[in-house]
C-alpha cells in the first residue's frame, strides 16, 4: 500500500512537471512571437526615407523653392514650397528624366507615365500618369505650397512603375486642365529639380 502511494505521488509529481514544462514552453513561444512582432514594428518605423531638393528657375522665370519626399510605411509624401510665382493656379508634375540642364526644362522629357495611361486627374477612372500631381495655388506675394501623398510611389525600390528616383519635378506657368493630351496644356516649365538620391 505504501509503495502504491509513493508510486502515485511520483506519477502525480511527474504529470505536474510535464504540464508545467508544456506551459513554460508555450509561454516562451508566445514571448518569442511577441518579441519578433515588436522587432518588426520597430524595423517598420525605422524605415523612413527622406530626400530634399532645391528647385531652380527655368524659362526666364524667378520661380524657385524646395521639395521634400518622405517614404514611411509604404506611402510617399511630397511637400513643395515655392516663391517667384504669378498669383493663381499652377500645375506640378513628375517628369521622366532627372535632367534640368536645358533653359526651358524640356530636357526632363514628358510626364512620368510608366503604365502608358492617358493624361488626367490623379485617381480618375479614365486614367492618369504616375506623374500627374495636379495644381496648387500661389498667393499675391508669389508663394505657394503643394502637399501630395500616395502609395503608388516609392523611393529607391527599383520598381519601374513606382520608383521616383531618376525623375524630375516640374512647376508650370499655367494650369493643368486634366484633359489636353499629353500634358494638360499647362504652359511653360518655370521651375525644375531632378530627383537623384
Protein backbone atom coordinates (compact mmCIF):
# COMPACT_ATOMS: atom_id res chain seq x y z
CA UNK A 1 0.00 0.00 0.00
CA UNK A 2 2.81 2.34 0.93
CA UNK A 3 4.59 1.63 -2.36
CA UNK A 4 1.39 2.31 -4.29
CA UNK A 5 1.02 5.68 -2.56
CA UNK A 6 4.64 6.57 -3.30
CA UNK A 7 4.23 5.50 -6.93
CA UNK A 8 1.02 7.51 -7.21
CA UNK A 9 2.70 10.55 -5.70
CA UNK A 10 5.63 10.19 -8.09
CA UNK A 11 3.28 9.83 -11.07
CA UNK A 12 1.37 12.93 -9.96
CA UNK A 13 4.60 14.87 -9.50
CA UNK A 14 5.80 13.78 -12.93
CA UNK A 15 2.47 14.84 -14.51
CA UNK A 16 2.63 18.25 -12.82
CA UNK A 17 6.22 18.66 -14.07
CA UNK A 18 5.28 17.73 -17.66
CA UNK A 19 2.28 20.09 -17.62
CA UNK A 20 4.46 22.82 -16.12
CA UNK A 21 7.09 22.32 -18.84
CA UNK A 22 4.43 22.46 -21.57
CA UNK A 23 3.03 25.68 -20.10
CA UNK A 24 6.52 27.14 -19.78
CA UNK A 25 7.31 26.17 -23.38
CA UNK A 26 4.01 27.69 -24.56
CA UNK A 27 4.78 30.86 -22.60
CA UNK A 28 8.28 31.03 -24.06
CA UNK A 29 6.92 30.57 -27.61
CA UNK A 30 4.35 33.33 -27.08
CA UNK A 31 7.03 35.61 -25.65
CA UNK A 32 9.30 34.90 -28.64
CA UNK A 33 6.46 35.66 -31.07
CA UNK A 34 5.69 38.94 -29.28
CA UNK A 35 9.39 39.84 -29.41
CA UNK A 36 9.54 39.16 -33.19
CA UNK A 37 6.45 41.29 -33.77
CA UNK A 38 7.95 44.10 -31.69
CA UNK A 39 11.21 43.94 -33.68
CA UNK A 40 9.23 44.02 -36.97
CA UNK A 41 7.25 47.04 -35.75
CA UNK A 42 10.44 48.88 -34.76
CA UNK A 43 12.01 47.98 -38.13
CA UNK A 44 8.98 49.35 -39.99
CA UNK A 45 9.09 52.59 -38.01
CA UNK A 46 12.84 52.88 -38.63
CA UNK A 47 12.43 52.56 -42.40
CA UNK A 48 11.71 56.22 -43.13
CA UNK A 49 13.41 57.66 -46.21
CA UNK A 50 13.61 61.41 -46.79
CA UNK A 51 15.16 63.26 -49.72
CA UNK A 52 15.09 67.02 -50.34
CA UNK A 53 15.97 69.16 -53.36
CA UNK A 54 16.14 72.79 -54.39
CA UNK A 55 14.00 73.90 -57.33
CA UNK A 56 15.76 76.08 -59.89
CA UNK A 57 14.18 78.72 -62.18
CA UNK A 58 13.55 77.88 -65.84
CA UNK A 59 12.14 79.68 -68.91
CA UNK A 60 13.45 83.08 -67.69
CA UNK A 61 11.33 82.91 -64.52
CA UNK A 62 12.24 83.63 -60.91
CA UNK A 63 10.47 80.52 -59.58
CA UNK A 64 12.48 78.62 -57.03
CA UNK A 65 11.83 76.60 -53.91
CA UNK A 66 12.32 73.32 -52.14
CA UNK A 67 10.68 69.93 -52.44
CA UNK A 68 10.90 67.07 -49.93
CA UNK A 69 9.83 63.46 -50.39
CA UNK A 70 9.34 61.19 -47.38
CA UNK A 71 8.54 57.49 -47.57
CA UNK A 72 7.06 55.85 -44.49
CA UNK A 73 5.01 52.67 -44.11
CA UNK A 74 4.53 52.28 -47.85
CA UNK A 75 3.41 55.86 -48.54
CA UNK A 76 5.42 58.66 -50.15
CA UNK A 77 4.53 62.21 -49.12
CA UNK A 78 5.70 65.24 -51.07
CA UNK A 79 5.84 68.80 -49.76
CA UNK A 80 6.93 71.63 -52.04
CA UNK A 81 7.29 75.32 -51.20
CA UNK A 82 7.81 77.88 -53.94
CA UNK A 83 8.40 81.59 -54.49
CA UNK A 84 8.51 83.84 -57.54
CA UNK A 85 5.22 82.55 -58.99
CA UNK A 86 2.48 84.62 -60.58
CA UNK A 87 -0.67 84.72 -58.49
CA UNK A 88 -3.14 81.89 -59.19
CA UNK A 89 -3.04 78.19 -60.03
CA UNK A 90 0.00 76.34 -61.34
CA UNK A 91 0.46 72.75 -62.47
CA UNK A 92 3.09 70.48 -60.96
CA UNK A 93 4.15 67.11 -62.37
CA UNK A 94 6.84 64.47 -62.18
CA UNK A 95 8.66 64.19 -65.50
CA UNK A 96 10.50 61.19 -66.83
CA UNK A 97 14.16 62.31 -66.64
CA UNK A 98 16.13 63.96 -63.81
CA UNK A 99 17.84 66.38 -66.18
CA UNK A 100 17.24 70.11 -65.66
CA UNK A 101 20.09 71.19 -67.93
CA UNK A 102 18.01 72.94 -70.61
CA UNK A 103 16.99 76.58 -70.13
CA UNK A 104 13.31 75.74 -70.64
CA UNK A 105 13.24 72.48 -68.65
CA UNK A 106 12.37 70.34 -71.68
CA UNK A 107 15.42 68.14 -71.01
CA UNK A 108 13.23 66.39 -68.40
CA UNK A 109 11.08 64.85 -71.16
CA UNK A 110 7.37 64.26 -70.83
CA UNK A 111 5.31 63.33 -67.79
CA UNK A 112 6.43 60.18 -65.99
CA UNK A 113 3.98 57.60 -67.33
CA UNK A 114 5.33 54.05 -66.80
CA UNK A 115 1.87 52.47 -67.18
CA UNK A 116 1.13 54.17 -70.54
CA UNK A 117 -2.11 55.82 -69.42
CA UNK A 118 -3.69 58.96 -70.89
CA UNK A 119 -3.04 62.23 -69.07
CA UNK A 120 -5.68 63.06 -66.48
CA UNK A 121 -6.51 63.98 -62.92
CA UNK A 122 -4.92 61.78 -60.25
CA UNK A 123 -7.25 58.91 -59.37
CA UNK A 124 -9.52 59.31 -62.43
CA UNK A 125 -11.07 56.07 -63.68
CA UNK A 126 -10.29 57.15 -67.26
CA UNK A 127 -6.56 57.09 -66.49
CA UNK A 128 -3.72 59.33 -65.35
CA UNK A 129 0.06 59.44 -65.38
CA UNK A 130 2.04 58.45 -62.27
CA UNK A 131 3.49 61.96 -62.58
CA UNK A 132 0.12 63.77 -62.75
CA UNK A 133 0.21 65.52 -59.37
CA UNK A 134 -2.20 68.33 -60.25
CA UNK A 135 -2.49 72.06 -59.47
CA UNK A 136 -1.70 74.28 -56.50
CA UNK A 137 -2.36 77.93 -55.64
CA UNK A 138 0.14 80.78 -55.45
CA UNK A 139 -0.79 83.84 -53.42
CA UNK A 140 -0.37 87.50 -54.38
CA UNK A 141 3.18 87.51 -52.97
CA UNK A 142 4.17 84.72 -55.37
CA UNK A 143 4.48 81.96 -52.79
CA UNK A 144 2.75 78.62 -52.89
CA UNK A 145 2.80 75.21 -51.22
CA UNK A 146 1.82 71.81 -52.54
CA UNK A 147 1.32 68.64 -50.48
CA UNK A 148 0.68 65.24 -52.02
CA UNK A 149 0.75 61.63 -50.74
CA UNK A 150 0.41 58.28 -52.48
CA UNK A 151 1.18 54.59 -52.07
CA UNK A 152 1.81 54.41 -55.83
CA UNK A 153 5.31 55.87 -55.48
CA UNK A 154 8.44 54.64 -53.68
CA UNK A 155 11.94 55.98 -53.15
CA UNK A 156 14.65 53.66 -54.47
CA UNK A 157 12.59 50.46 -54.55
CA UNK A 158 13.68 49.71 -58.14
CA UNK A 159 10.09 49.07 -59.26
CA UNK A 160 9.90 50.96 -62.57
CA UNK A 161 6.17 51.58 -62.06
CA UNK A 162 6.67 53.20 -58.63
CA UNK A 163 10.26 54.41 -58.14
CA UNK A 164 10.54 58.22 -58.31
CA UNK A 165 14.36 58.26 -58.29
CA UNK A 166 15.68 59.48 -61.63
CA UNK A 167 12.57 61.60 -62.27
CA UNK A 168 12.18 65.40 -62.22
CA UNK A 169 9.74 67.79 -60.55
CA UNK A 170 8.42 70.47 -62.89
CA UNK A 171 6.31 73.51 -61.96
CA UNK A 172 4.41 75.01 -64.90
CA UNK A 173 3.40 78.60 -65.60
CA UNK A 174 -0.21 77.63 -66.27
CA UNK A 175 -2.96 75.34 -65.02
CA UNK A 176 -3.35 71.64 -65.82
CA UNK A 177 -6.78 71.23 -67.45
CA UNK A 178 -6.62 67.43 -66.84
CA UNK A 179 -7.97 66.88 -70.36
CA UNK A 180 -5.50 68.04 -73.05
CA UNK A 181 -3.11 65.33 -74.19
CA UNK A 182 -0.43 64.55 -73.39
CA UNK A 183 0.27 67.13 -70.67
CA UNK A 184 -2.80 69.16 -69.70
CA UNK A 185 -1.83 72.33 -71.64
CA UNK A 186 -0.07 73.67 -68.53
CA UNK A 187 2.31 76.01 -70.35
CA UNK A 188 5.99 76.80 -69.84
CA UNK A 189 8.15 74.93 -67.37
CA UNK A 190 9.15 77.59 -64.85
CA UNK A 191 10.98 75.55 -62.19
CA UNK A 192 12.79 72.22 -62.12
CA UNK A 193 14.65 69.76 -59.93
CA UNK A 194 15.95 66.29 -60.62
CA UNK A 195 15.20 63.56 -58.05
CA UNK A 196 18.53 61.85 -57.55
CA UNK A 197 19.38 60.13 -54.26
